[in-house]
PDB file of N, CA and C in Angstrom:
ATOM      1  N   UNK A   1     -14.620   5.924   6.815  1.00  0.00           N
ATOM      2  CA  UNK A   1     -13.437   6.653   7.412  1.00  0.00           C
ATOM      3  C   UNK A   1     -13.438   7.050   5.699  1.00  0.00           C
ATOM      4  N   UNK A   2     -12.394   8.337   6.738  1.00  0.00           N
ATOM      5  CA  UNK A   2     -11.402   8.790   5.855  1.00  0.00           C
ATOM      6  C   UNK A   2      -9.909   8.472   6.158  1.00  0.00           C
ATOM      7  N   UNK A   3      -9.396   8.136   5.139  1.00  0.00           N
ATOM      8  CA  UNK A   3      -7.799   7.979   5.495  1.00  0.00           C
ATOM      9  C   UNK A   3      -7.076   9.041   5.140  1.00  0.00           C
ATOM     10  N   UNK A   4      -5.828   9.821   6.398  1.00  0.00           N
ATOM     11  CA  UNK A   4      -5.675  11.021   5.998  1.00  0.00           C
ATOM     12  C   UNK A   4      -4.300  10.792   5.857  1.00  0.00           C
ATOM     13  N   UNK A   5      -3.733  11.998   5.431  1.00  0.00           N
ATOM     14  CA  UNK A   5      -2.689  11.486   4.888  1.00  0.00           C
ATOM     15  C   UNK A   5      -1.580  11.132   6.278  1.00  0.00           C
ATOM     16  N   UNK A   6      -2.087  11.165   7.576  1.00  0.00           N
ATOM     17  CA  UNK A   6      -0.968  10.945   8.394  1.00  0.00           C
ATOM     18  C   UNK A   6      -1.241   9.626   8.637  1.00  0.00           C
ATOM     19  N   UNK A   7      -2.273   8.581   8.464  1.00  0.00           N
ATOM     20  CA  UNK A   7      -2.298   7.717   8.595  1.00  0.00           C
ATOM     21  C   UNK A   7      -1.964   7.083   7.324  1.00  0.00           C
ATOM     22  N   UNK A   8      -1.663   7.868   5.782  1.00  0.00           N
ATOM     23  CA  UNK A   8      -1.056   7.313   4.918  1.00  0.00           C
ATOM     24  C   UNK A   8       0.812   7.089   5.378  1.00  0.00           C
ATOM     25  N   UNK A   9       1.231   7.731   5.843  1.00  0.00           N
ATOM     26  CA  UNK A   9       3.093   7.863   6.087  1.00  0.00           C
ATOM     27  C   UNK A   9       2.949   7.339   7.067  1.00  0.00           C
ATOM     28  N   UNK A  10       2.274   7.435   8.178  1.00  0.00           N
ATOM     29  CA  UNK A  10       2.124   6.147   9.638  1.00  0.00           C
ATOM     30  C   UNK A  10       2.551   5.050   9.084  1.00  0.00           C
ATOM     31  N   UNK A  11       1.557   4.531   8.186  1.00  0.00           N
ATOM     32  CA  UNK A  11       1.252   2.741   7.764  1.00  0.00           C
ATOM     33  C   UNK A  11       2.411   2.847   6.629  1.00  0.00           C
ATOM     34  N   UNK A  12       2.660   3.443   6.100  1.00  0.00           N
ATOM     35  CA  UNK A  12       4.098   3.084   5.506  1.00  0.00           C
ATOM     36  C   UNK A  12       5.030   3.197   6.119  1.00  0.00           C
ATOM     37  N   UNK A  13       5.771   3.774   7.022  1.00  0.00           N
ATOM     38  CA  UNK A  13       6.726   3.293   8.025  1.00  0.00           C
ATOM     39  C   UNK A  13       6.451   2.361   9.077  1.00  0.00           C
ATOM     40  N   UNK A  14       4.779   2.174   9.205  1.00  0.00           N
ATOM     41  CA  UNK A  14       4.686   0.917  10.381  1.00  0.00           C
ATOM     42  C   UNK A  14       4.804  -0.719   8.963  1.00  0.00           C
ATOM     43  N   UNK A  15       4.522  -0.145   7.867  1.00  0.00           N
ATOM     44  CA  UNK A  15       4.612  -1.354   7.421  1.00  0.00           C
ATOM     45  C   UNK A  15       6.330  -1.715   7.080  1.00  0.00           C
ATOM     46  N   UNK A  16       7.008  -0.718   6.700  1.00  0.00           N
ATOM     47  CA  UNK A  16       8.477  -1.020   6.141  1.00  0.00           C
ATOM     48  C   UNK A  16       8.956  -1.919   7.854  1.00  0.00           C
ATOM     49  N   UNK A  17       8.305  -1.614   8.660  1.00  0.00           N
ATOM     50  CA  UNK A  17       8.848  -2.378   9.863  1.00  0.00           C
ATOM     51  C   UNK A  17       8.600  -3.730   9.727  1.00  0.00           C
ATOM     52  N   UNK A  18       6.809  -4.154   9.867  1.00  0.00           N
ATOM     53  CA  UNK A  18       6.747  -5.245   9.498  1.00  0.00           C
ATOM     54  C   UNK A  18       7.010  -6.145   8.229  1.00  0.00           C
ATOM     55  N   UNK A  19       7.403  -5.535   6.996  1.00  0.00           N
ATOM     56  CA  UNK A  19       8.448  -6.172   6.030  1.00  0.00           C
ATOM     57  C   UNK A  19       9.603  -6.279   6.573  1.00  0.00           C
ATOM     58  N   UNK A  20      10.391  -6.205   7.146  1.00  0.00           N
ATOM     59  CA  UNK A  20      12.001  -6.171   7.146  1.00  0.00           C
ATOM     60  C   UNK A  20      11.670  -6.809   8.943  1.00  0.00           C
ATOM     61  N   UNK A  21      10.559  -7.151   9.316  1.00  0.00           N
ATOM     62  CA  UNK A  21      10.359  -8.329  10.593  1.00  0.00           C
ATOM     63  C   UNK A  21      11.466  -7.333  12.071  1.00  0.00           C
ATOM     64  N   UNK A  22      11.235  -6.287  11.884  1.00  0.00           N
ATOM     65  CA  UNK A  22      11.276  -5.468  13.077  1.00  0.00           C
ATOM     66  C   UNK A  22      10.424  -5.295  13.959  1.00  0.00           C
ATOM     67  N   UNK A  23       8.728  -5.969  13.593  1.00  0.00           N
ATOM     68  CA  UNK A  23       7.494  -5.559  14.497  1.00  0.00           C
ATOM     69  C   UNK A  23       6.351  -6.269  13.812  1.00  0.00           C
ATOM     70  N   UNK A  24       5.785  -6.884  14.665  1.00  0.00           N
ATOM     71  CA  UNK A  24       4.970  -7.660  14.102  1.00  0.00           C
ATOM     72  C   UNK A  24       3.562  -7.038  13.527  1.00  0.00           C
ATOM     73  N   UNK A  25       2.597  -7.716  12.915  1.00  0.00           N
ATOM     74  CA  UNK A  25       1.652  -6.881  12.031  1.00  0.00           C
ATOM     75  C   UNK A  25       0.879  -6.763  12.791  1.00  0.00           C
ATOM     76  N   UNK A  26       0.093  -7.240  13.691  1.00  0.00           N
ATOM     77  CA  UNK A  26      -0.671  -7.248  15.003  1.00  0.00           C
ATOM     78  C   UNK A  26      -0.787  -5.804  15.716  1.00  0.00           C
ATOM     79  N   UNK A  27       0.475  -5.687  16.553  1.00  0.00           N
ATOM     80  CA  UNK A  27       1.277  -4.607  16.578  1.00  0.00           C
ATOM     81  C   UNK A  27       1.507  -3.340  15.844  1.00  0.00           C
ATOM     82  N   UNK A  28       1.664  -3.323  14.816  1.00  0.00           N
ATOM     83  CA  UNK A  28       1.613  -2.304  14.186  1.00  0.00           C
ATOM     84  C   UNK A  28       0.000  -1.792  13.146  1.00  0.00           C
ATOM     85  N   UNK A  29      -0.855  -2.519  13.514  1.00  0.00           N
ATOM     86  CA  UNK A  29      -2.580  -2.269  13.114  1.00  0.00           C
ATOM     87  C   UNK A  29      -2.418  -1.724  14.586  1.00  0.00           C
ATOM     88  N   UNK A  30      -2.304  -2.235  16.115  1.00  0.00           N
ATOM     89  CA  UNK A  30      -2.629  -1.882  16.879  1.00  0.00           C
ATOM     90  C   UNK A  30      -2.161  -0.196  16.992  1.00  0.00           C
ATOM     91  N   UNK A  31      -0.905  -0.292  16.986  1.00  0.00           N
ATOM     92  CA  UNK A  31       0.195   1.763  17.142  1.00  0.00           C
ATOM     93  C   UNK A  31      -1.022   2.114  15.900  1.00  0.00           C
ATOM     94  N   UNK A  32      -1.479   1.898  14.512  1.00  0.00           N
ATOM     95  CA  UNK A  32      -2.159   2.431  13.957  1.00  0.00           C
ATOM     96  C   UNK A  32      -3.288   3.246  14.335  1.00  0.00           C
ATOM     97  N   UNK A  33      -3.912   2.489  14.804  1.00  0.00           N
ATOM     98  CA  UNK A  33      -5.460   2.095  15.459  1.00  0.00           C
ATOM     99  C   UNK A  33      -5.452   3.241  16.598  1.00  0.00           C
ATOM    100  N   UNK A  34      -4.232   3.041  17.757  1.00  0.00           N
ATOM    101  CA  UNK A  34      -4.310   3.801  18.517  1.00  0.00           C
ATOM    102  C   UNK A  34      -4.087   5.266  18.590  1.00  0.00           C
ATOM    103  N   UNK A  35      -3.119   5.418  17.992  1.00  0.00           N
ATOM    104  CA  UNK A  35      -2.328   6.617  17.331  1.00  0.00           C
ATOM    105  C   UNK A  35      -2.734   7.607  16.617  1.00  0.00           C
ATOM    106  N   UNK A  36      -3.846   6.736  15.606  1.00  0.00           N
ATOM    107  CA  UNK A  36      -4.316   7.567  14.940  1.00  0.00           C
ATOM    108  C   UNK A  36      -5.539   7.950  14.088  1.00  0.00           C
ATOM    109  N   UNK A  37      -5.679   6.782  14.910  1.00  0.00           N
ATOM    110  CA  UNK A  37      -7.121   6.185  14.948  1.00  0.00           C
ATOM    111  C   UNK A  37      -7.615   5.519  13.586  1.00  0.00           C
ATOM    112  N   UNK A  38      -6.940   5.240  12.899  1.00  0.00           N
ATOM    113  CA  UNK A  38      -7.201   4.214  11.809  1.00  0.00           C
ATOM    114  C   UNK A  38      -7.442   2.847  12.195  1.00  0.00           C
ATOM    115  N   UNK A  39      -9.161   3.068  11.226  1.00  0.00           N
ATOM    116  CA  UNK A  39      -9.367   1.622  11.437  1.00  0.00           C
ATOM    117  C   UNK A  39      -8.564   0.312  11.192  1.00  0.00           C
ATOM    118  N   UNK A  40      -8.885  -0.439  11.975  1.00  0.00           N
ATOM    119  CA  UNK A  40      -7.507  -2.138  12.460  1.00  0.00           C
ATOM    120  C   UNK A  40      -7.789  -2.941  11.030  1.00  0.00           C
ATOM    121  N   UNK A  41      -9.122  -2.555  10.445  1.00  0.00           N
ATOM    122  CA  UNK A  41      -8.711  -3.076   9.101  1.00  0.00           C
ATOM    123  C   UNK A  41      -7.914  -2.965   8.229  1.00  0.00           C
ATOM    124  N   UNK A  42      -8.419  -1.103   8.070  1.00  0.00           N
ATOM    125  CA  UNK A  42      -7.545  -0.643   7.185  1.00  0.00           C
ATOM    126  C   UNK A  42      -6.190  -0.974   7.228  1.00  0.00           C
ATOM    127  N   UNK A  43      -6.247  -0.764   8.419  1.00  0.00           N
ATOM    128  CA  UNK A  43      -4.520  -0.495   8.638  1.00  0.00           C
ATOM    129  C   UNK A  43      -3.837  -2.131   8.292  1.00  0.00           C
ATOM    130  N   UNK A  44      -4.798  -2.517   8.347  1.00  0.00           N
ATOM    131  CA  UNK A  44      -3.983  -4.364   7.875  1.00  0.00           C
ATOM    132  C   UNK A  44      -3.379  -4.051   6.287  1.00  0.00           C
ATOM    133  N   UNK A  45      -4.889  -3.606   5.791  1.00  0.00           N
ATOM    134  CA  UNK A  45      -4.766  -3.631   3.837  1.00  0.00           C
ATOM    135  C   UNK A  45      -3.981  -2.682   3.668  1.00  0.00           C
ATOM    136  N   UNK A  46      -3.217  -1.424   4.228  1.00  0.00           N
ATOM    137  CA  UNK A  46      -2.417  -0.686   3.600  1.00  0.00           C
ATOM    138  C   UNK A  46      -1.104  -1.772   4.248  1.00  0.00           C
ATOM    139  N   UNK A  47      -1.082  -2.309   5.238  1.00  0.00           N
ATOM    140  CA  UNK A  47       0.508  -3.109   5.372  1.00  0.00           C
ATOM    141  C   UNK A  47       0.617  -4.102   4.390  1.00  0.00           C
ATOM    142  N   UNK A  48      -0.371  -4.926   3.973  1.00  0.00           N
ATOM    143  CA  UNK A  48      -0.589  -5.688   3.776  1.00  0.00           C
ATOM    144  C   UNK A  48      -0.189  -5.358   2.073  1.00  0.00           C
ATOM    145  N   UNK A  49      -0.656  -4.125   1.038  1.00  0.00           N
ATOM    146  CA  UNK A  49      -0.580  -3.872   0.138  1.00  0.00           C
ATOM    147  C   UNK A  49       1.175  -3.476   0.500  1.00  0.00           C
ATOM    148  N   UNK A  50       1.472  -2.369   1.217  1.00  0.00           N
ATOM    149  CA  UNK A  50       3.328  -2.578   1.089  1.00  0.00           C
ATOM    150  C   UNK A  50       3.423  -3.715   0.895  1.00  0.00           C
ATOM    151  N   UNK A  51       3.678  -4.865   1.729  1.00  0.00           N
ATOM    152  CA  UNK A  51       4.136  -6.369   1.156  1.00  0.00           C
ATOM    153  C   UNK A  51       4.155  -6.675   0.318  1.00  0.00           C
ATOM    154  N   UNK A  52       3.066  -6.846  -0.657  1.00  0.00           N
ATOM    155  CA  UNK A  52       3.005  -7.231  -1.775  1.00  0.00           C
ATOM    156  C   UNK A  52       3.461  -6.696  -2.522  1.00  0.00           C
ATOM    157  N   UNK A  53       3.413  -4.923  -2.712  1.00  0.00           N
ATOM    158  CA  UNK A  53       4.287  -4.048  -3.706  1.00  0.00           C
ATOM    159  C   UNK A  53       5.975  -4.821  -3.716  1.00  0.00           C
ATOM    160  N   UNK A  54       6.438  -4.839  -2.535  1.00  0.00           N
ATOM    161  CA  UNK A  54       7.619  -5.283  -1.879  1.00  0.00           C
ATOM    162  C   UNK A  54       8.118  -6.643  -2.648  1.00  0.00           C
ATOM    163  N   UNK A  55       6.751  -7.800  -2.899  1.00  0.00           N
ATOM    164  CA  UNK A  55       7.290  -8.720  -3.359  1.00  0.00           C
ATOM    165  C   UNK A  55       6.927  -8.819  -4.631  1.00  0.00           C
ATOM    166  N   UNK A  56       6.198  -7.658  -5.237  1.00  0.00           N
ATOM    167  CA  UNK A  56       5.821  -7.595  -7.061  1.00  0.00           C
ATOM    168  C   UNK A  56       4.548  -8.471  -6.878  1.00  0.00           C
ATOM    169  N   UNK A  57       3.757  -9.049  -5.234  1.00  0.00           N
ATOM    170  CA  UNK A  57       2.593  -9.855  -5.536  1.00  0.00           C
ATOM    171  C   UNK A  57       1.247  -9.439  -5.840  1.00  0.00           C
ATOM    172  N   UNK A  58       0.408  -9.581  -6.324  1.00  0.00           N
ATOM    173  CA  UNK A  58      -1.570  -9.178  -6.183  1.00  0.00           C
ATOM    174  C   UNK A  58      -1.514  -8.836  -5.218  1.00  0.00           C
ATOM    175  N   UNK A  59      -2.359  -7.951  -4.686  1.00  0.00           N
ATOM    176  CA  UNK A  59      -3.044  -8.258  -3.498  1.00  0.00           C
ATOM    177  C   UNK A  59      -3.994  -7.510  -3.739  1.00  0.00           C
ATOM    178  N   UNK A  60      -5.226  -7.703  -3.165  1.00  0.00           N
ATOM    179  CA  UNK A  60      -6.637  -8.111  -3.605  1.00  0.00           C
ATOM    180  C   UNK A  60      -7.175  -6.881  -2.663  1.00  0.00           C
ATOM    181  N   UNK A  61      -6.713  -6.244  -1.553  1.00  0.00           N
ATOM    182  CA  UNK A  61      -7.583  -5.264  -0.630  1.00  0.00           C
ATOM    183  C   UNK A  61      -6.882  -3.593  -1.663  1.00  0.00           C
ATOM    184  N   UNK A  62      -8.117  -2.533  -1.706  1.00  0.00           N
ATOM    185  CA  UNK A  62      -7.425  -1.381  -2.426  1.00  0.00           C
ATOM    186  C   UNK A  62      -7.024  -0.600  -1.281  1.00  0.00           C
ATOM    187  N   UNK A  63      -6.103  -0.202  -1.290  1.00  0.00           N
ATOM    188  CA  UNK A  63      -5.311   1.317  -0.847  1.00  0.00           C
ATOM    189  C   UNK A  63      -6.216   2.530  -1.786  1.00  0.00           C
ATOM    190  N   UNK A  64      -6.303   3.885  -1.074  1.00  0.00           N
ATOM    191  CA  UNK A  64      -6.873   4.906  -2.357  1.00  0.00           C
ATOM    192  C   UNK A  64      -5.657   5.312  -2.985  1.00  0.00           C
ATOM    193  N   UNK A  65      -5.323   5.904  -3.812  1.00  0.00           N
ATOM    194  CA  UNK A  65      -4.793   6.767  -5.131  1.00  0.00           C
ATOM    195  C   UNK A  65      -3.550   7.235  -3.571  1.00  0.00           C
ATOM    196  N   UNK A  66      -4.252   8.618  -2.995  1.00  0.00           N
ATOM    197  CA  UNK A  66      -2.911   9.229  -2.564  1.00  0.00           C
ATOM    198  C   UNK A  66      -2.252   8.554  -1.766  1.00  0.00           C
ATOM    199  N   UNK A  67      -2.978   6.992  -1.329  1.00  0.00           N
ATOM    200  CA  UNK A  67      -1.243   6.056  -0.519  1.00  0.00           C
ATOM    201  C   UNK A  67      -0.868   5.215  -1.755  1.00  0.00           C
ATOM    202  N   UNK A  68      -1.588   5.019  -2.658  1.00  0.00           N
ATOM    203  CA  UNK A  68      -0.734   3.833  -3.862  1.00  0.00           C
ATOM    204  C   UNK A  68       0.517   4.899  -4.275  1.00  0.00           C
ATOM    205  N   UNK A  69       0.025   6.179  -4.315  1.00  0.00           N
ATOM    206  CA  UNK A  69       1.384   7.744  -4.839  1.00  0.00           C
ATOM    207  C   UNK A  69       2.372   7.437  -3.609  1.00  0.00           C
ATOM    208  N   UNK A  70       2.142   7.367  -2.772  1.00  0.00           N
ATOM    209  CA  UNK A  70       3.111   7.520  -1.678  1.00  0.00           C
ATOM    210  C   UNK A  70       3.973   6.457  -1.391  1.00  0.00           C
ATOM    211  N   UNK A  71       3.086   5.632  -1.087  1.00  0.00           N
ATOM    212  CA  UNK A  71       4.155   3.896  -1.231  1.00  0.00           C
ATOM    213  C   UNK A  71       5.369   4.034  -2.395  1.00  0.00           C
ATOM    214  N   UNK A  72       4.881   3.926  -3.657  1.00  0.00           N
ATOM    215  CA  UNK A  72       5.586   4.241  -4.642  1.00  0.00           C
ATOM    216  C   UNK A  72       6.543   4.946  -4.534  1.00  0.00           C
ATOM    217  N   UNK A  73       6.331   6.059  -4.311  1.00  0.00           N
ATOM    218  CA  UNK A  73       7.610   7.457  -4.112  1.00  0.00           C
ATOM    219  C   UNK A  73       8.508   6.559  -3.597  1.00  0.00           C
ATOM    220  N   UNK A  74       7.636   6.612  -2.036  1.00  0.00           N
ATOM    221  CA  UNK A  74       8.637   6.381  -1.298  1.00  0.00           C
ATOM    222  C   UNK A  74       9.426   5.038  -1.709  1.00  0.00           C
ATOM    223  N   UNK A  75       9.117   3.956  -2.086  1.00  0.00           N
ATOM    224  CA  UNK A  75       9.726   2.892  -2.324  1.00  0.00           C
ATOM    225  C   UNK A  75      10.935   3.515  -3.137  1.00  0.00           C
ATOM    226  N   UNK A  76      10.234   4.052  -4.408  1.00  0.00           N
ATOM    227  CA  UNK A  76      11.766   4.586  -5.365  1.00  0.00           C
ATOM    228  C   UNK A  76      12.846   5.559  -4.551  1.00  0.00           C
ATOM    229  N   UNK A  77      12.511   6.118  -3.647  1.00  0.00           N
ATOM    230  CA  UNK A  77      13.011   7.117  -2.455  1.00  0.00           C
ATOM    231  C   UNK A  77      14.277   6.322  -1.734  1.00  0.00           C
ATOM    232  N   UNK A  78      13.417   4.967  -1.628  1.00  0.00           N
ATOM    233  CA  UNK A  78      13.903   4.521   0.043  1.00  0.00           C
ATOM    234  C   UNK A  78      15.445   3.098  -0.672  1.00  0.00           C
ATOM    235  N   UNK A  79      14.178   2.238  -1.923  1.00  0.00           N
ATOM    236  CA  UNK A  79      14.767   1.224  -2.034  1.00  0.00           C
ATOM    237  C   UNK A  79      15.390   1.138  -3.417  1.00  0.00           C
ATOM    238  N   UNK A  80      15.116   2.236  -4.358  1.00  0.00           N
ATOM    239  CA  UNK A  80      15.852   2.231  -5.778  1.00  0.00           C
ATOM    240  C   UNK A  80      14.848   2.176  -6.765  1.00  0.00           C
ATOM    241  N   UNK A  81      14.870   2.750  -7.945  1.00  0.00           N
ATOM    242  CA  UNK A  81      14.534   2.311  -8.958  1.00  0.00           C
ATOM    243  C   UNK A  81      13.841   0.671  -9.719  1.00  0.00           C
ATOM    244  N   UNK A  82      14.928  -0.169  -9.264  1.00  0.00           N
ATOM    245  CA  UNK A  82      14.671  -1.632  -9.134  1.00  0.00           C
ATOM    246  C   UNK A  82      13.688  -2.159  -8.400  1.00  0.00           C
ATOM    247  N   UNK A  83      13.354  -1.903  -6.803  1.00  0.00           N
ATOM    248  CA  UNK A  83      12.434  -2.258  -6.648  1.00  0.00           C
ATOM    249  C   UNK A  83      10.705  -1.342  -6.977  1.00  0.00           C
ATOM    250  N   UNK A  84      11.343  -0.156  -7.417  1.00  0.00           N
ATOM    251  CA  UNK A  84       9.563   0.400  -7.640  1.00  0.00           C
ATOM    252  C   UNK A  84       9.318  -0.267  -9.019  1.00  0.00           C
ATOM    253  N   UNK A  85      10.051  -1.018  -9.582  1.00  0.00           N
ATOM    254  CA  UNK A  85       9.966  -1.791 -10.733  1.00  0.00           C
ATOM    255  C   UNK A  85       9.122  -2.623 -10.116  1.00  0.00           C
ATOM    256  N   UNK A  86       9.330  -3.244  -8.946  1.00  0.00           N
ATOM    257  CA  UNK A  86       8.531  -4.468  -8.886  1.00  0.00           C
ATOM    258  C   UNK A  86       7.261  -4.251  -8.050  1.00  0.00           C
ATOM    259  N   UNK A  87       7.333  -3.343  -7.533  1.00  0.00           N
ATOM    260  CA  UNK A  87       6.239  -2.276  -6.799  1.00  0.00           C
ATOM    261  C   UNK A  87       4.954  -2.080  -7.523  1.00  0.00           C
ATOM    262  N   UNK A  88       5.653  -1.924  -9.329  1.00  0.00           N
ATOM    263  CA  UNK A  88       4.676  -1.105  -9.892  1.00  0.00           C
ATOM    264  C   UNK A  88       3.718  -2.587 -10.454  1.00  0.00           C
ATOM    265  N   UNK A  89       4.520  -3.475 -10.711  1.00  0.00           N
ATOM    266  CA  UNK A  89       4.026  -4.759 -11.114  1.00  0.00           C
ATOM    267  C   UNK A  89       2.975  -4.924 -10.194  1.00  0.00           C
ATOM    268  N   UNK A  90       3.013  -4.925  -8.541  1.00  0.00           N
ATOM    269  CA  UNK A  90       2.294  -5.468  -7.905  1.00  0.00           C
ATOM    270  C   UNK A  90       0.688  -4.516  -7.874  1.00  0.00           C
ATOM    271  N   UNK A  91       1.090  -3.335  -8.412  1.00  0.00           N
ATOM    272  CA  UNK A  91      -0.259  -2.318  -8.518  1.00  0.00           C
ATOM    273  C   UNK A  91      -0.821  -3.120  -9.781  1.00  0.00           C
ATOM    274  N   UNK A  92      -0.024  -2.970 -10.593  1.00  0.00           N
ATOM    275  CA  UNK A  92      -0.666  -3.316 -11.978  1.00  0.00           C
ATOM    276  C   UNK A  92      -1.479  -4.977 -12.296  1.00  0.00           C
ATOM    277  N   UNK A  93      -1.068  -5.850 -11.364  1.00  0.00           N
ATOM    278  CA  UNK A  93      -1.788  -6.890 -10.892  1.00  0.00           C
ATOM    279  C   UNK A  93      -3.179  -6.726  -9.945  1.00  0.00           C
ATOM    280  N   UNK A  94      -2.919  -5.825  -9.294  1.00  0.00           N
ATOM    281  CA  UNK A  94      -3.785  -5.553  -8.195  1.00  0.00           C
ATOM    282  C   UNK A  94      -4.848  -4.897  -9.280  1.00  0.00           C
ATOM    283  N   UNK A  95      -4.581  -4.110 -10.265  1.00  0.00           N
ATOM    284  CA  UNK A  95      -5.628  -3.195 -10.329  1.00  0.00           C
ATOM    285  C   UNK A  95      -6.427  -4.348 -11.910  1.00  0.00           C
ATOM    286  N   UNK A  96      -5.670  -5.220 -12.832  1.00  0.00           N
ATOM    287  CA  UNK A  96      -6.295  -5.666 -12.974  1.00  0.00           C
ATOM    288  C   UNK A  96      -7.020  -6.872 -12.309  1.00  0.00           C
ATOM    289  N   UNK A  97      -6.562  -7.344 -11.196  1.00  0.00           N
ATOM    290  CA  UNK A  97      -7.200  -8.430 -10.353  1.00  0.00           C
ATOM    291  C   UNK A  97      -9.248  -7.598  -9.844  1.00  0.00           C
ATOM    292  N   UNK A  98      -8.906  -6.556 -10.142  1.00  0.00           N
ATOM    293  CA  UNK A  98     -10.224  -5.387  -9.207  1.00  0.00           C
ATOM    294  C   UNK A  98     -10.928  -5.506 -10.582  1.00  0.00           C
ATOM    295  N   UNK A  99     -10.139  -5.265 -11.654  1.00  0.00           N
ATOM    296  CA  UNK A  99     -11.062  -4.879 -12.709  1.00  0.00           C
ATOM    297  C   UNK A  99     -12.019  -6.168 -13.467  1.00  0.00           C
ATOM    298  N   UNK A 100     -11.442  -7.352 -13.262  1.00  0.00           N
ATOM    299  CA  UNK A 100     -11.915  -8.736 -13.618  1.00  0.00           C
ATOM    300  C   UNK A 100     -12.648  -8.840 -12.420  1.00  0.00           C
ATOM    301  N   UNK A 101     -13.170  -8.248 -11.242  1.00  0.00           N
ATOM    302  CA  UNK A 101     -14.469  -8.403 -10.323  1.00  0.00           C
ATOM    303  C   UNK A 101     -15.710  -7.975 -11.009  1.00  0.00           C
ATOM    304  N   UNK A 102     -15.362  -7.102 -11.744  1.00  0.00           N
ATOM    305  CA  UNK A 102     -16.929  -6.577 -11.810  1.00  0.00           C
ATOM    306  C   UNK A 102     -17.007  -5.667 -11.457  1.00  0.00           C
ATOM    307  N   UNK A 103     -16.723  -4.671 -10.415  1.00  0.00           N
ATOM    308  CA  UNK A 103     -17.006  -3.389  -9.605  1.00  0.00           C
ATOM    309  C   UNK A 103     -16.511  -2.222 -10.818  1.00  0.00           C
ATOM    310  N   UNK A 104     -16.148  -2.634 -12.296  1.00  0.00           N
ATOM    311  CA  UNK A 104     -15.529  -1.421 -12.514  1.00  0.00           C
ATOM    312  C   UNK A 104     -14.040  -1.427 -12.380  1.00  0.00           C
ATOM    313  N   UNK A 105     -13.590  -0.089 -12.854  1.00  0.00           N
ATOM    314  CA  UNK A 105     -11.801  -0.377 -12.902  1.00  0.00           C
ATOM    315  C   UNK A 105     -11.210   0.871 -12.174  1.00  0.00           C
ATOM    316  N   UNK A 106      -9.963   0.628 -11.468  1.00  0.00           N
ATOM    317  CA  UNK A 106      -9.835   1.633 -10.820  1.00  0.00           C
ATOM    318  C   UNK A 106      -8.913   3.267 -11.624  1.00  0.00           C
ATOM    319  N   UNK A 107      -9.395   3.419 -12.426  1.00  0.00           N
ATOM    320  CA  UNK A 107      -8.811   4.564 -12.674  1.00  0.00           C
ATOM    321  C   UNK A 107      -7.910   5.328 -12.491  1.00  0.00           C
ATOM    322  N   UNK A 108      -7.869   6.059 -11.549  1.00  0.00           N
ATOM    323  CA  UNK A 108      -6.841   6.771 -10.940  1.00  0.00           C
ATOM    324  C   UNK A 108      -6.288   6.177 -10.245  1.00  0.00           C
ATOM    325  N   UNK A 109      -5.852   4.843 -10.503  1.00  0.00           N
ATOM    326  CA  UNK A 109      -4.455   4.256  -9.681  1.00  0.00           C
ATOM    327  C   UNK A 109      -4.104   3.769 -10.802  1.00  0.00           C
ATOM    328  N   UNK A 110      -4.589   3.550 -12.181  1.00  0.00           N
ATOM    329  CA  UNK A 110      -4.257   3.139 -13.526  1.00  0.00           C
ATOM    330  C   UNK A 110      -3.424   4.219 -13.749  1.00  0.00           C
ATOM    331  N   UNK A 111      -4.168   5.816 -14.018  1.00  0.00           N
ATOM    332  CA  UNK A 111      -3.447   6.738 -14.574  1.00  0.00           C
ATOM    333  C   UNK A 111      -2.389   7.195 -13.712  1.00  0.00           C
ATOM    334  N   UNK A 112      -2.423   6.724 -12.548  1.00  0.00           N
ATOM    335  CA  UNK A 112      -1.027   6.854 -11.314  1.00  0.00           C
ATOM    336  C   UNK A 112       0.206   6.224 -12.318  1.00  0.00           C
ATOM    337  N   UNK A 113      -0.122   4.750 -12.229  1.00  0.00           N
ATOM    338  CA  UNK A 113       0.757   3.728 -12.918  1.00  0.00           C
ATOM    339  C   UNK A 113       1.669   4.225 -14.320  1.00  0.00           C
ATOM    340  N   UNK A 114       0.373   5.024 -14.924  1.00  0.00           N
ATOM    341  CA  UNK A 114       1.215   5.378 -16.467  1.00  0.00           C
ATOM    342  C   UNK A 114       2.216   6.444 -15.719  1.00  0.00           C
ATOM    343  N   UNK A 115       1.900   7.159 -15.232  1.00  0.00           N
ATOM    344  CA  UNK A 115       3.043   8.207 -14.367  1.00  0.00           C
ATOM    345  C   UNK A 115       3.898   7.794 -14.171  1.00  0.00           C
ATOM    346  N   UNK A 116       4.342   7.010 -13.802  1.00  0.00           N
ATOM    347  CA  UNK A 116       5.449   6.277 -13.319  1.00  0.00           C
ATOM    348  C   UNK A 116       6.238   5.797 -14.568  1.00  0.00           C
TER     349      UNK A 116
END
């Protein structure tokens, strides 16, 4: 399934609401499915990745490069450079985790990290 720009933008908005406990994750996932046709598993992964970025934790489900860029750009805009640094650490942990699985590397996301 293709993750569209609209899905990425909407998932960021819903993920913020979940992170700030304004909405539960199940409702957010269902809304992304109903409103944008985003697969429920993908929606959950994208919300989980945002929450991990906000806490600086490793996440294990990959979101695409465009979504990673969108999330990092908007975390910087919405929360500032200190929060961006925390998010960048989470993305770095994710690329290291993925690289250690033996499936190859996430080169496009690694390059994105370098650009920030």
